Amino acid sequence: METVDTGDIVLHKPTQEKWVVAYADGGRVCVFGWPLTEAPVAECSMFLKATPKSRVDCLYRMRNIKDQTDPRYIYAVERLSW
Protein backbone atom coordinates (compact mmCIF):
# COMPACT_ATOMS: atom_id res chain seq x y z
CA MET A 1 0.00 0.00 0.00
CA GLU A 2 1.23 3.50 -0.71
CA THR A 3 2.27 5.65 2.22
CA VAL A 4 -0.65 6.83 4.36
CA ASP A 5 -0.53 10.42 5.59
CA THR A 6 -2.66 13.05 7.30
CA GLY A 7 -5.91 13.80 5.49
CA ASP A 8 -5.90 10.64 3.39
CA ILE A 9 -9.09 8.60 3.42
CA VAL A 10 -8.63 4.88 3.98
CA LEU A 11 -11.04 1.99 4.01
CA HIS A 12 -10.79 0.09 7.30
CA LYS A 13 -11.34 -3.46 6.06
CA PRO A 14 -12.71 -5.06 9.28
CA THR A 15 -15.47 -2.45 9.70
CA GLN A 16 -15.81 -1.36 6.05
CA GLU A 17 -15.73 2.25 7.30
CA LYS A 18 -13.96 5.06 5.51
CA TRP A 19 -11.65 6.91 7.89
CA VAL A 20 -9.91 10.27 7.55
CA VAL A 21 -6.36 9.76 8.77
CA ALA A 22 -5.01 12.02 11.50
CA TYR A 23 -1.58 10.43 11.23
CA ALA A 24 0.14 7.13 10.49
CA ASP A 25 3.06 6.16 12.67
CA GLY A 26 4.78 2.95 13.65
CA GLY A 27 2.57 0.79 11.46
CA ARG A 28 -0.63 2.22 12.95
CA VAL A 29 -3.24 4.63 11.61
CA CYS A 30 -4.95 7.14 13.91
CA VAL A 31 -8.40 8.40 12.94
CA PHE A 32 -9.12 12.11 12.62
CA GLY A 33 -12.59 11.88 14.20
CA TRP A 34 -14.05 10.88 17.51
CA PRO A 35 -13.50 8.72 19.44
CA LEU A 36 -9.72 8.48 19.33
CA THR A 37 -9.17 5.28 17.36
CA GLU A 38 -6.10 3.50 16.09
CA ALA A 39 -5.72 0.41 13.94
CA PRO A 40 -2.89 -1.41 12.18
CA VAL A 41 -2.17 0.16 8.81
CA ALA A 42 -2.32 -3.37 7.38
CA GLU A 43 -6.08 -3.36 8.07
CA CYS A 44 -6.54 -0.34 5.79
CA SER A 45 -6.48 0.28 2.07
CA MET A 46 -6.11 3.65 0.39
CA PHE A 47 -9.42 5.10 -0.74
CA LEU A 48 -8.51 8.73 -1.54
CA LYS A 49 -5.18 10.54 -1.27
CA ALA A 50 -5.33 13.98 0.36
CA THR A 51 -4.30 17.10 -1.51
CA PRO A 52 -1.48 19.13 0.03
CA LYS A 53 -4.01 21.82 1.02
CA SER A 54 -6.41 19.37 2.68
CA ARG A 55 -3.47 17.80 4.54
CA VAL A 56 -2.44 21.16 5.99
CA ASP A 57 -6.09 22.00 6.80
CA CYS A 58 -6.35 18.78 8.82
CA LEU A 59 -3.16 19.61 10.71
CA TYR A 60 -4.49 23.06 11.64
CA ARG A 61 -7.81 21.56 12.78
CA MET A 62 -5.98 19.05 14.98
CA ARG A 63 -3.84 21.84 16.42
CA ASN A 64 -7.09 23.42 17.64
CA ILE A 65 -8.00 20.37 19.77
CA LYS A 66 -8.49 21.63 23.32
CA ASP A 67 -6.94 18.58 25.01
CA GLN A 68 -3.21 19.15 24.67
CA THR A 69 -2.53 15.54 25.72
CA ASP A 70 -4.44 14.20 22.69
CA PRO A 71 -1.87 12.50 20.41
CA ARG A 72 -3.47 14.14 17.35
CA TYR A 73 -2.88 17.59 18.88
CA ILE A 74 0.71 16.68 19.74
CA TYR A 75 1.34 15.31 16.24
CA ALA A 76 -0.09 18.41 14.55
CA VAL A 77 1.92 20.83 16.70
CA GLU A 78 5.12 18.89 15.98
CA ARG A 79 4.47 18.55 12.26
CA LEU A 80 3.49 22.20 11.79
CA SER A 81 6.74 23.25 13.45
CA TRP A 82 8.85 21.46 10.77
PDB file of N, CA and C in Angstrom:
ATOM      1  N   MET A   1       0.854  -1.188   0.000  1.00  0.00           N
ATOM      2  CA  MET A   1       0.000   0.000   0.000  1.00  0.00           C
ATOM      3  C   MET A   1       0.893   1.242   0.000  1.00  0.00           C
ATOM      4  N   GLU A   2       0.448   2.263  -0.715  1.00  0.00           N
ATOM      5  CA  GLU A   2       1.228   3.496  -0.713  1.00  0.00           C
ATOM      6  C   GLU A   2       1.212   4.128   0.681  1.00  0.00           C
ATOM      7  N   THR A   3       2.126   5.029   0.909  1.00  0.00           N
ATOM      8  CA  THR A   3       2.269   5.653   2.217  1.00  0.00           C
ATOM      9  C   THR A   3       0.998   6.404   2.602  1.00  0.00           C
ATOM     10  N   VAL A   4       0.540   6.161   3.823  1.00  0.00           N
ATOM     11  CA  VAL A   4      -0.647   6.828   4.361  1.00  0.00           C
ATOM     12  C   VAL A   4      -0.192   8.064   5.127  1.00  0.00           C
ATOM     13  N   ASP A   5      -0.900   9.170   4.943  1.00  0.00           N
ATOM     14  CA  ASP A   5      -0.529  10.423   5.587  1.00  0.00           C
ATOM     15  C   ASP A   5      -1.782  11.163   6.040  1.00  0.00           C
ATOM     16  N   THR A   6      -1.580  12.209   6.790  1.00  0.00           N
ATOM     17  CA  THR A   6      -2.657  13.051   7.304  1.00  0.00           C
ATOM     18  C   THR A   6      -3.596  13.486   6.179  1.00  0.00           C
ATOM     19  N   GLY A   7      -4.899  13.361   6.444  1.00  0.00           N
ATOM     20  CA  GLY A   7      -5.911  13.802   5.491  1.00  0.00           C
ATOM     21  C   GLY A   7      -6.320  12.765   4.467  1.00  0.00           C
ATOM     22  N   ASP A   8      -5.514  11.705   4.314  1.00  0.00           N
ATOM     23  CA  ASP A   8      -5.898  10.639   3.389  1.00  0.00           C
ATOM     24  C   ASP A   8      -7.166   9.962   3.911  1.00  0.00           C
ATOM     25  N   ILE A   9      -7.927   9.382   3.020  1.00  0.00           N
ATOM     26  CA  ILE A   9      -9.094   8.597   3.420  1.00  0.00           C
ATOM     27  C   ILE A   9      -8.766   7.143   3.114  1.00  0.00           C
ATOM     28  N   VAL A  10      -8.897   6.305   4.141  1.00  0.00           N
ATOM     29  CA  VAL A  10      -8.627   4.883   3.984  1.00  0.00           C
ATOM     30  C   VAL A  10      -9.901   4.096   4.266  1.00  0.00           C
ATOM     31  N   LEU A  11      -9.961   2.920   3.705  1.00  0.00           N
ATOM     32  CA  LEU A  11     -11.040   1.987   4.012  1.00  0.00           C
ATOM     33  C   LEU A  11     -10.509   1.036   5.076  1.00  0.00           C
ATOM     34  N   HIS A  12     -11.149   1.034   6.240  1.00  0.00           N
ATOM     35  CA  HIS A  12     -10.787   0.091   7.298  1.00  0.00           C
ATOM     36  C   HIS A  12     -11.506  -1.212   6.991  1.00  0.00           C
ATOM     37  N   LYS A  13     -10.753  -2.216   6.572  1.00  0.00           N
ATOM     38  CA  LYS A  13     -11.338  -3.461   6.058  1.00  0.00           C
ATOM     39  C   LYS A  13     -12.242  -4.182   7.067  1.00  0.00           C
ATOM     40  N   PRO A  14     -11.845  -4.325   8.351  1.00  0.00           N
ATOM     41  CA  PRO A  14     -12.711  -5.065   9.279  1.00  0.00           C
ATOM     42  C   PRO A  14     -14.094  -4.439   9.476  1.00  0.00           C
ATOM     43  N   THR A  15     -14.177  -3.118   9.464  1.00  0.00           N
ATOM     44  CA  THR A  15     -15.471  -2.453   9.700  1.00  0.00           C
ATOM     45  C   THR A  15     -16.124  -1.957   8.422  1.00  0.00           C
ATOM     46  N   GLN A  16     -15.354  -1.913   7.325  1.00  0.00           N
ATOM     47  CA  GLN A  16     -15.810  -1.363   6.045  1.00  0.00           C
ATOM     48  C   GLN A  16     -16.149   0.126   6.160  1.00  0.00           C
ATOM     49  N   GLU A  17     -15.535   0.800   7.135  1.00  0.00           N
ATOM     50  CA  GLU A  17     -15.733   2.246   7.301  1.00  0.00           C
ATOM     51  C   GLU A  17     -14.622   2.993   6.584  1.00  0.00           C
ATOM     52  N   LYS A  18     -14.964   4.170   6.090  1.00  0.00           N
ATOM     53  CA  LYS A  18     -13.962   5.064   5.509  1.00  0.00           C
ATOM     54  C   LYS A  18     -13.525   6.027   6.604  1.00  0.00           C
ATOM     55  N   TRP A  19     -12.223   6.084   6.830  1.00  0.00           N
ATOM     56  CA  TRP A  19     -11.651   6.910   7.888  1.00  0.00           C
ATOM     57  C   TRP A  19     -10.763   7.994   7.303  1.00  0.00           C
ATOM     58  N   VAL A  20     -10.876   9.211   7.845  1.00  0.00           N
ATOM     59  CA  VAL A  20      -9.911  10.267   7.554  1.00  0.00           C
ATOM     60  C   VAL A  20      -8.745  10.057   8.510  1.00  0.00           C
ATOM     61  N   VAL A  21      -7.553  10.051   7.981  1.00  0.00           N
ATOM     62  CA  VAL A  21      -6.356   9.758   8.766  1.00  0.00           C
ATOM     63  C   VAL A  21      -5.835  11.026   9.442  1.00  0.00           C
ATOM     64  N   ALA A  22      -5.661  10.942  10.759  1.00  0.00           N
ATOM     65  CA  ALA A  22      -5.013  12.024  11.502  1.00  0.00           C
ATOM     66  C   ALA A  22      -3.500  11.914  11.300  1.00  0.00           C
ATOM     67  N   TYR A  23      -2.998  10.706  11.495  1.00  0.00           N
ATOM     68  CA  TYR A  23      -1.584  10.430  11.232  1.00  0.00           C
ATOM     69  C   TYR A  23      -1.389   8.924  11.136  1.00  0.00           C
ATOM     70  N   ALA A  24      -0.281   8.534  10.544  1.00  0.00           N
ATOM     71  CA  ALA A  24       0.135   7.133  10.495  1.00  0.00           C
ATOM     72  C   ALA A  24       1.550   7.088  11.028  1.00  0.00           C
ATOM     73  N   ASP A  25       1.755   6.214  12.022  1.00  0.00           N
ATOM     74  CA  ASP A  25       3.063   6.159  12.671  1.00  0.00           C
ATOM     75  C   ASP A  25       3.272   4.766  13.248  1.00  0.00           C
ATOM     76  N   GLY A  26       4.448   4.230  13.068  1.00  0.00           N
ATOM     77  CA  GLY A  26       4.784   2.946  13.655  1.00  0.00           C
ATOM     78  C   GLY A  26       3.879   1.805  13.217  1.00  0.00           C
ATOM     79  N   GLY A  27       3.414   1.852  11.964  1.00  0.00           N
ATOM     80  CA  GLY A  27       2.567   0.785  11.456  1.00  0.00           C
ATOM     81  C   GLY A  27       1.115   0.875  11.896  1.00  0.00           C
ATOM     82  N   ARG A  28       0.751   2.018  12.488  1.00  0.00           N
ATOM     83  CA  ARG A  28      -0.629   2.219  12.949  1.00  0.00           C
ATOM     84  C   ARG A  28      -1.194   3.491  12.323  1.00  0.00           C
ATOM     85  N   VAL A  29      -2.505   3.477  12.134  1.00  0.00           N
ATOM     86  CA  VAL A  29      -3.238   4.627  11.611  1.00  0.00           C
ATOM     87  C   VAL A  29      -4.095   5.173  12.747  1.00  0.00           C
ATOM     88  N   CYS A  30      -4.088   6.487  12.932  1.00  0.00           N
ATOM     89  CA  CYS A  30      -4.950   7.140  13.910  1.00  0.00           C
ATOM     90  C   CYS A  30      -6.017   7.918  13.152  1.00  0.00           C
ATOM     91  N   VAL A  31      -7.249   7.780  13.604  1.00  0.00           N
ATOM     92  CA  VAL A  31      -8.397   8.398  12.943  1.00  0.00           C
ATOM     93  C   VAL A  31      -8.529   9.862  13.352  1.00  0.00           C
ATOM     94  N   PHE A  32      -8.940  10.683  12.401  1.00  0.00           N
ATOM     95  CA  PHE A  32      -9.124  12.113  12.621  1.00  0.00           C
ATOM     96  C   PHE A  32     -10.308  12.403  13.545  1.00  0.00           C
ATOM     97  N   GLY A  33     -11.349  11.610  13.464  1.00  0.00           N
ATOM     98  CA  GLY A  33     -12.586  11.883  14.200  1.00  0.00           C
ATOM     99  C   GLY A  33     -12.614  11.337  15.609  1.00  0.00           C
ATOM    100  N   TRP A  34     -13.806  11.319  16.144  1.00  0.00           N
ATOM    101  CA  TRP A  34     -14.054  10.877  17.505  1.00  0.00           C
ATOM    102  C   TRP A  34     -14.748   9.530  17.480  1.00  0.00           C
ATOM    103  N   PRO A  35     -14.496   8.631  18.374  1.00  0.00           N
ATOM    104  CA  PRO A  35     -13.499   8.715  19.442  1.00  0.00           C
ATOM    105  C   PRO A  35     -12.099   8.446  18.901  1.00  0.00           C
ATOM    106  N   LEU A  36     -11.108   8.761  19.695  1.00  0.00           N
ATOM    107  CA  LEU A  36      -9.725   8.481  19.334  1.00  0.00           C
ATOM    108  C   LEU A  36      -9.606   6.988  19.036  1.00  0.00           C
ATOM    109  N   THR A  37      -9.231   6.671  17.808  1.00  0.00           N
ATOM    110  CA  THR A  37      -9.174   5.279  17.362  1.00  0.00           C
ATOM    111  C   THR A  37      -7.895   5.052  16.589  1.00  0.00           C
ATOM    112  N   GLU A  38      -7.268   3.924  16.856  1.00  0.00           N
ATOM    113  CA  GLU A  38      -6.098   3.504  16.092  1.00  0.00           C
ATOM    114  C   GLU A  38      -6.313   2.081  15.607  1.00  0.00           C
ATOM    115  N   ALA A  39      -5.668   1.760  14.489  1.00  0.00           N
ATOM    116  CA  ALA A  39      -5.722   0.408  13.939  1.00  0.00           C
ATOM    117  C   ALA A  39      -4.431   0.154  13.166  1.00  0.00           C
ATOM    118  N   PRO A  40      -4.071  -1.107  13.006  1.00  0.00           N
ATOM    119  CA  PRO A  40      -2.894  -1.409  12.185  1.00  0.00           C
ATOM    120  C   PRO A  40      -3.105  -0.921  10.744  1.00  0.00           C
ATOM    121  N   VAL A  41      -2.076  -0.328  10.190  1.00  0.00           N
ATOM    122  CA  VAL A  41      -2.171   0.164   8.812  1.00  0.00           C
ATOM    123  C   VAL A  41      -2.464  -0.994   7.860  1.00  0.00           C
ATOM    124  N   ALA A  42      -2.068  -2.199   8.217  1.00  0.00           N
ATOM    125  CA  ALA A  42      -2.320  -3.371   7.376  1.00  0.00           C
ATOM    126  C   ALA A  42      -3.812  -3.677   7.234  1.00  0.00           C
ATOM    127  N   GLU A  43      -4.632  -3.163   8.155  1.00  0.00           N
ATOM    128  CA  GLU A  43      -6.082  -3.364   8.071  1.00  0.00           C
ATOM    129  C   GLU A  43      -6.761  -2.341   7.167  1.00  0.00           C
ATOM    130  N   CYS A  44      -5.974  -1.436   6.582  1.00  0.00           N
ATOM    131  CA  CYS A  44      -6.538  -0.338   5.793  1.00  0.00           C
ATOM    132  C   CYS A  44      -6.058  -0.399   4.352  1.00  0.00           C
ATOM    133  N   SER A  45      -6.894   0.105   3.461  1.00  0.00           N
ATOM    134  CA  SER A  45      -6.480   0.280   2.070  1.00  0.00           C
ATOM    135  C   SER A  45      -6.795   1.727   1.665  1.00  0.00           C
ATOM    136  N   MET A  46      -5.938   2.270   0.816  1.00  0.00           N
ATOM    137  CA  MET A  46      -6.105   3.654   0.387  1.00  0.00           C
ATOM    138  C   MET A  46      -7.408   3.805  -0.389  1.00  0.00           C
ATOM    139  N   PHE A  47      -8.187   4.793  -0.022  1.00  0.00           N
ATOM    140  CA  PHE A  47      -9.415   5.103  -0.745  1.00  0.00           C
ATOM    141  C   PHE A  47      -9.241   6.394  -1.540  1.00  0.00           C
ATOM    142  N   LEU A  48      -8.705   7.441  -0.881  1.00  0.00           N
ATOM    143  CA  LEU A  48      -8.512   8.729  -1.544  1.00  0.00           C
ATOM    144  C   LEU A  48      -7.329   9.445  -0.916  1.00  0.00           C
ATOM    145  N   LYS A  49      -6.363   9.824  -1.739  1.00  0.00           N
ATOM    146  CA  LYS A  49      -5.179  10.541  -1.273  1.00  0.00           C
ATOM    147  C   LYS A  49      -5.528  12.009  -1.066  1.00  0.00           C
ATOM    148  N   ALA A  50      -5.079  12.569   0.051  1.00  0.00           N
ATOM    149  CA  ALA A  50      -5.333  13.983   0.356  1.00  0.00           C
ATOM    150  C   ALA A  50      -4.521  14.892  -0.555  1.00  0.00           C
ATOM    151  N   THR A  51      -5.070  16.074  -0.818  1.00  0.00           N
ATOM    152  CA  THR A  51      -4.298  17.101  -1.515  1.00  0.00           C
ATOM    153  C   THR A  51      -3.382  17.764  -0.481  1.00  0.00           C
ATOM    154  N   PRO A  52      -2.332  18.428  -0.936  1.00  0.00           N
ATOM    155  CA  PRO A  52      -1.475  19.134   0.029  1.00  0.00           C
ATOM    156  C   PRO A  52      -2.266  20.138   0.880  1.00  0.00           C
ATOM    157  N   LYS A  53      -3.217  20.839   0.273  1.00  0.00           N
ATOM    158  CA  LYS A  53      -4.010  21.816   1.019  1.00  0.00           C
ATOM    159  C   LYS A  53      -4.889  21.142   2.071  1.00  0.00           C
ATOM    160  N   SER A  54      -5.548  20.041   1.703  1.00  0.00           N
ATOM    161  CA  SER A  54      -6.409  19.371   2.678  1.00  0.00           C
ATOM    162  C   SER A  54      -5.579  18.759   3.808  1.00  0.00           C
ATOM    163  N   ARG A  55      -4.362  18.338   3.507  1.00  0.00           N
ATOM    164  CA  ARG A  55      -3.466  17.800   4.539  1.00  0.00           C
ATOM    165  C   ARG A  55      -3.139  18.891   5.561  1.00  0.00           C
ATOM    166  N   VAL A  56      -2.774  20.053   5.083  1.00  0.00           N
ATOM    167  CA  VAL A  56      -2.444  21.164   5.989  1.00  0.00           C
ATOM    168  C   VAL A  56      -3.686  21.604   6.761  1.00  0.00           C
ATOM    169  N   ASP A  57      -4.838  21.646   6.101  1.00  0.00           N
ATOM    170  CA  ASP A  57      -6.090  22.004   6.796  1.00  0.00           C
ATOM    171  C   ASP A  57      -6.362  21.049   7.957  1.00  0.00           C
ATOM    172  N   CYS A  58      -6.158  19.760   7.744  1.00  0.00           N
ATOM    173  CA  CYS A  58      -6.351  18.777   8.816  1.00  0.00           C
ATOM    174  C   CYS A  58      -5.387  19.032   9.969  1.00  0.00           C
ATOM    175  N   LEU A  59      -4.142  19.334   9.649  1.00  0.00           N
ATOM    176  CA  LEU A  59      -3.162  19.606  10.708  1.00  0.00           C
ATOM    177  C   LEU A  59      -3.572  20.819  11.541  1.00  0.00           C
ATOM    178  N   TYR A  60      -4.048  21.880  10.897  1.00  0.00           N
ATOM    179  CA  TYR A  60      -4.491  23.064  11.641  1.00  0.00           C
ATOM    180  C   TYR A  60      -5.727  22.753  12.490  1.00  0.00           C
ATOM    181  N   ARG A  61      -6.636  21.938  11.976  1.00  0.00           N
ATOM    182  CA  ARG A  61      -7.814  21.555  12.775  1.00  0.00           C
ATOM    183  C   ARG A  61      -7.405  20.743  13.993  1.00  0.00           C
ATOM    184  N   MET A  62      -6.447  19.839  13.842  1.00  0.00           N
ATOM    185  CA  MET A  62      -5.978  19.047  14.984  1.00  0.00           C
ATOM    186  C   MET A  62      -5.234  19.918  15.991  1.00  0.00           C
ATOM    187  N   ARG A  63      -4.542  20.940  15.502  1.00  0.00           N
ATOM    188  CA  ARG A  63      -3.838  21.838  16.417  1.00  0.00           C
ATOM    189  C   ARG A  63      -4.823  22.614  17.288  1.00  0.00           C
ATOM    190  N   ASN A  64      -6.075  22.712  16.862  1.00  0.00           N
ATOM    191  CA  ASN A  64      -7.092  23.422  17.640  1.00  0.00           C
ATOM    192  C   ASN A  64      -7.804  22.530  18.655  1.00  0.00           C
ATOM    193  N   ILE A  65      -7.410  21.253  18.750  1.00  0.00           N
ATOM    194  CA  ILE A  65      -7.998  20.369  19.766  1.00  0.00           C
ATOM    195  C   ILE A  65      -7.670  20.946  21.137  1.00  0.00           C
ATOM    196  N   LYS A  66      -8.661  21.015  21.992  1.00  0.00           N
ATOM    197  CA  LYS A  66      -8.492  21.628  23.324  1.00  0.00           C
ATOM    198  C   LYS A  66      -7.606  20.795  24.249  1.00  0.00           C
ATOM    199  N   ASP A  67      -7.708  19.472  24.151  1.00  0.00           N
ATOM    200  CA  ASP A  67      -6.936  18.578  25.014  1.00  0.00           C
ATOM    201  C   ASP A  67      -5.509  18.460  24.484  1.00  0.00           C
ATOM    202  N   GLN A  68      -4.591  19.129  25.143  1.00  0.00           N
ATOM    203  CA  GLN A  68      -3.211  19.152  24.666  1.00  0.00           C
ATOM    204  C   GLN A  68      -2.462  17.852  24.936  1.00  0.00           C
ATOM    205  N   THR A  69      -3.129  16.866  25.558  1.00  0.00           N
ATOM    206  CA  THR A  69      -2.530  15.540  25.722  1.00  0.00           C
ATOM    207  C   THR A  69      -2.993  14.586  24.621  1.00  0.00           C
ATOM    208  N   ASP A  70      -3.938  15.026  23.795  1.00  0.00           N
ATOM    209  CA  ASP A  70      -4.438  14.203  22.687  1.00  0.00           C
ATOM    210  C   ASP A  70      -3.288  13.987  21.695  1.00  0.00           C
ATOM    211  N   PRO A  71      -2.998  12.745  21.326  1.00  0.00           N
ATOM    212  CA  PRO A  71      -1.873  12.495  20.407  1.00  0.00           C
ATOM    213  C   PRO A  71      -2.034  13.178  19.050  1.00  0.00           C
ATOM    214  N   ARG A  72      -3.266  13.433  18.621  1.00  0.00           N
ATOM    215  CA  ARG A  72      -3.469  14.137  17.354  1.00  0.00           C
ATOM    216  C   ARG A  72      -3.031  15.594  17.475  1.00  0.00           C
ATOM    217  N   TYR A  73      -3.333  16.215  18.618  1.00  0.00           N
ATOM    218  CA  TYR A  73      -2.880  17.590  18.878  1.00  0.00           C
ATOM    219  C   TYR A  73      -1.351  17.630  18.881  1.00  0.00           C
ATOM    220  N   ILE A  74      -0.752  16.714  19.622  1.00  0.00           N
ATOM    221  CA  ILE A  74       0.712  16.682  19.738  1.00  0.00           C
ATOM    222  C   ILE A  74       1.353  16.487  18.365  1.00  0.00           C
ATOM    223  N   TYR A  75       0.812  15.561  17.572  1.00  0.00           N
ATOM    224  CA  TYR A  75       1.345  15.308  16.241  1.00  0.00           C
ATOM    225  C   TYR A  75       1.258  16.561  15.370  1.00  0.00           C
ATOM    226  N   ALA A  76       0.102  17.225  15.392  1.00  0.00           N
ATOM    227  CA  ALA A  76      -0.091  18.414  14.554  1.00  0.00           C
ATOM    228  C   ALA A  76       0.866  19.533  14.947  1.00  0.00           C
ATOM    229  N   VAL A  77       1.010  19.777  16.237  1.00  0.00           N
ATOM    230  CA  VAL A  77       1.920  20.830  16.701  1.00  0.00           C
ATOM    231  C   VAL A  77       3.342  20.523  16.237  1.00  0.00           C
ATOM    232  N   GLU A  78       3.758  19.272  16.406  1.00  0.00           N
ATOM    233  CA  GLU A  78       5.116  18.894  15.981  1.00  0.00           C
ATOM    234  C   GLU A  78       5.285  19.017  14.480  1.00  0.00           C
ATOM    235  N   ARG A  79       4.325  18.527  13.730  1.00  0.00           N
ATOM    236  CA  ARG A  79       4.465  18.547  12.261  1.00  0.00           C
ATOM    237  C   ARG A  79       4.405  19.973  11.702  1.00  0.00           C
ATOM    238  N   LEU A  80       3.572  20.817  12.276  1.00  0.00           N
ATOM    239  CA  LEU A  80       3.489  22.198  11.790  1.00  0.00           C
ATOM    240  C   LEU A  80       4.728  23.021  12.147  1.00  0.00           C
ATOM    241  N   SER A  81       5.519  22.523  13.085  1.00  0.00           N
ATOM    242  CA  SER A  81       6.737  23.251  13.453  1.00  0.00           C
ATOM    243  C   SER A  81       7.928  22.875  12.581  1.00  0.00           C
ATOM    244  N   TRP A  82       7.750  21.897  11.655  1.00  0.00           N
ATOM    245  CA  TRP A  82       8.854  21.465  10.772  1.00  0.00           C
ATOM    246  C   TRP A  82       9.258  22.549   9.857  1.00  0.00           C
TER     247      TRP A  82
END
